Amino acid sequence: MGVKWFASALIVLGLGLTLYGYQIQNPATFVGVSLVVVGVVVLLTGRRTRH
């Protein structure tokens, strides 16, 4: 699994948890938002080509 796939999986899982937590009002919303943020950070900082 590459960095982009890992970050994409984190974002998708985070969005799913956010929607689930929003519907039943539990702490899953916070965890979901946190996973989305981590996924975006991994996408932005992951595997940059070095010259």
N, C-alpha and C. Protein backbone atom coordinates (compact mmCIF):
# COMPACT_ATOMS: atom_id res chain seq x y z
N MET A 1 0.85 -1.17 0.00
CA MET A 1 0.00 0.00 0.00
C MET A 1 0.90 1.23 0.00
N GLY A 2 0.67 2.10 -0.96
CA GLY A 2 1.45 3.32 -1.06
C GLY A 2 0.92 4.40 -0.13
N VAL A 3 1.66 5.48 -0.09
CA VAL A 3 1.31 6.59 0.79
C VAL A 3 -0.02 7.21 0.37
N LYS A 4 -0.24 7.36 -0.94
CA LYS A 4 -1.49 7.96 -1.40
C LYS A 4 -2.69 7.09 -1.06
N TRP A 5 -2.54 5.78 -1.19
CA TRP A 5 -3.64 4.87 -0.85
C TRP A 5 -3.92 4.90 0.64
N PHE A 6 -2.87 4.95 1.45
CA PHE A 6 -3.02 5.01 2.90
C PHE A 6 -3.74 6.29 3.31
N ALA A 7 -3.31 7.41 2.75
CA ALA A 7 -3.94 8.68 3.07
C ALA A 7 -5.39 8.70 2.60
N SER A 8 -5.65 8.16 1.43
CA SER A 8 -7.03 8.11 0.92
C SER A 8 -7.90 7.24 1.83
N ALA A 9 -7.37 6.13 2.29
CA ALA A 9 -8.12 5.26 3.20
C ALA A 9 -8.42 5.98 4.51
N LEU A 10 -7.46 6.74 5.02
CA LEU A 10 -7.70 7.50 6.25
C LEU A 10 -8.81 8.53 6.05
N ILE A 11 -8.78 9.20 4.91
CA ILE A 11 -9.79 10.23 4.63
C ILE A 11 -11.18 9.60 4.51
N VAL A 12 -11.27 8.51 3.78
CA VAL A 12 -12.57 7.84 3.60
C VAL A 12 -13.09 7.31 4.94
N LEU A 13 -12.22 6.68 5.71
CA LEU A 13 -12.63 6.18 7.02
C LEU A 13 -13.04 7.33 7.93
N GLY A 14 -12.29 8.41 7.88
CA GLY A 14 -12.62 9.58 8.70
C GLY A 14 -13.95 10.18 8.33
N LEU A 15 -14.23 10.29 7.03
CA LEU A 15 -15.53 10.82 6.60
C LEU A 15 -16.67 9.91 7.03
N GLY A 16 -16.44 8.61 6.91
CA GLY A 16 -17.47 7.67 7.35
C GLY A 16 -17.75 7.77 8.84
N LEU A 17 -16.70 7.87 9.64
CA LEU A 17 -16.89 8.00 11.09
C LEU A 17 -17.53 9.33 11.45
N THR A 18 -17.19 10.38 10.71
CA THR A 18 -17.79 11.68 10.97
C THR A 18 -19.29 11.64 10.71
N LEU A 19 -19.70 11.05 9.59
CA LEU A 19 -21.13 10.95 9.29
C LEU A 19 -21.85 10.07 10.31
N TYR A 20 -21.22 8.96 10.67
CA TYR A 20 -21.82 8.05 11.65
C TYR A 20 -21.94 8.74 13.01
N GLY A 21 -20.90 9.39 13.44
CA GLY A 21 -20.92 10.08 14.73
C GLY A 21 -21.89 11.24 14.76
N TYR A 22 -22.03 11.92 13.63
CA TYR A 22 -22.96 13.04 13.55
C TYR A 22 -24.41 12.57 13.71
N GLN A 23 -24.71 11.40 13.17
CA GLN A 23 -26.07 10.89 13.23
C GLN A 23 -26.45 10.42 14.63
N ILE A 24 -25.51 9.81 15.33
CA ILE A 24 -25.87 9.29 16.66
C ILE A 24 -25.26 10.11 17.80
N GLN A 25 -24.58 11.18 17.47
CA GLN A 25 -24.03 12.13 18.43
C GLN A 25 -23.14 11.46 19.49
N ASN A 26 -22.05 10.92 19.02
CA ASN A 26 -21.08 10.36 19.96
C ASN A 26 -19.67 10.81 19.57
N PRO A 27 -18.64 10.44 20.30
CA PRO A 27 -17.28 10.90 20.02
C PRO A 27 -16.68 10.42 18.70
N ALA A 28 -17.38 9.58 17.97
CA ALA A 28 -16.85 9.12 16.68
C ALA A 28 -16.67 10.29 15.72
N THR A 29 -17.43 11.35 15.89
CA THR A 29 -17.28 12.52 15.04
C THR A 29 -15.89 13.12 15.19
N PHE A 30 -15.43 13.26 16.43
CA PHE A 30 -14.09 13.82 16.67
C PHE A 30 -13.01 12.94 16.08
N VAL A 31 -13.14 11.64 16.24
CA VAL A 31 -12.16 10.71 15.69
C VAL A 31 -12.18 10.77 14.16
N GLY A 32 -13.35 10.87 13.57
CA GLY A 32 -13.46 10.97 12.13
C GLY A 32 -12.80 12.22 11.58
N VAL A 33 -13.05 13.34 12.21
CA VAL A 33 -12.43 14.60 11.77
C VAL A 33 -10.91 14.51 11.94
N SER A 34 -10.46 13.92 13.02
CA SER A 34 -9.02 13.76 13.24
C SER A 34 -8.38 12.90 12.16
N LEU A 35 -9.04 11.82 11.76
CA LEU A 35 -8.51 10.96 10.71
C LEU A 35 -8.45 11.68 9.37
N VAL A 36 -9.44 12.49 9.08
CA VAL A 36 -9.43 13.27 7.84
C VAL A 36 -8.24 14.23 7.84
N VAL A 37 -8.02 14.90 8.95
CA VAL A 37 -6.90 15.84 9.05
C VAL A 37 -5.57 15.11 8.89
N VAL A 38 -5.42 13.97 9.54
CA VAL A 38 -4.18 13.20 9.41
C VAL A 38 -4.00 12.73 7.96
N GLY A 39 -5.07 12.30 7.33
CA GLY A 39 -4.99 11.87 5.93
C GLY A 39 -4.53 12.99 5.02
N VAL A 40 -5.07 14.18 5.22
CA VAL A 40 -4.67 15.33 4.40
C VAL A 40 -3.21 15.68 4.65
N VAL A 41 -2.78 15.65 5.90
CA VAL A 41 -1.38 15.94 6.21
C VAL A 41 -0.46 14.91 5.57
N VAL A 42 -0.83 13.64 5.62
CA VAL A 42 -0.02 12.60 4.99
C VAL A 42 0.05 12.81 3.49
N LEU A 43 -1.07 13.19 2.87
CA LEU A 43 -1.06 13.46 1.43
C LEU A 43 -0.14 14.63 1.09
N LEU A 44 -0.17 15.65 1.91
CA LEU A 44 0.63 16.84 1.62
C LEU A 44 2.12 16.64 1.90
N THR A 45 2.45 15.79 2.84
CA THR A 45 3.85 15.63 3.22
C THR A 45 4.46 14.31 2.76
N GLY A 46 3.66 13.42 2.21
CA GLY A 46 4.16 12.09 1.86
C GLY A 46 4.97 12.07 0.57
N ARG A 47 6.03 11.33 0.60
CA ARG A 47 6.87 11.00 -0.55
C ARG A 47 7.04 12.09 -1.59
N ARG A 48 7.81 13.05 -1.24
CA ARG A 48 8.15 14.08 -2.20
C ARG A 48 9.42 13.65 -2.92
N THR A 49 9.47 13.94 -4.20
CA THR A 49 10.66 13.57 -4.97
C THR A 49 11.80 14.49 -4.61
N ARG A 50 12.96 13.90 -4.46
CA ARG A 50 14.15 14.68 -4.09
C ARG A 50 15.08 14.71 -5.27
N HIS A 51 15.60 15.87 -5.54
CA HIS A 51 16.51 16.03 -6.68
C HIS A 51 17.94 16.16 -6.20
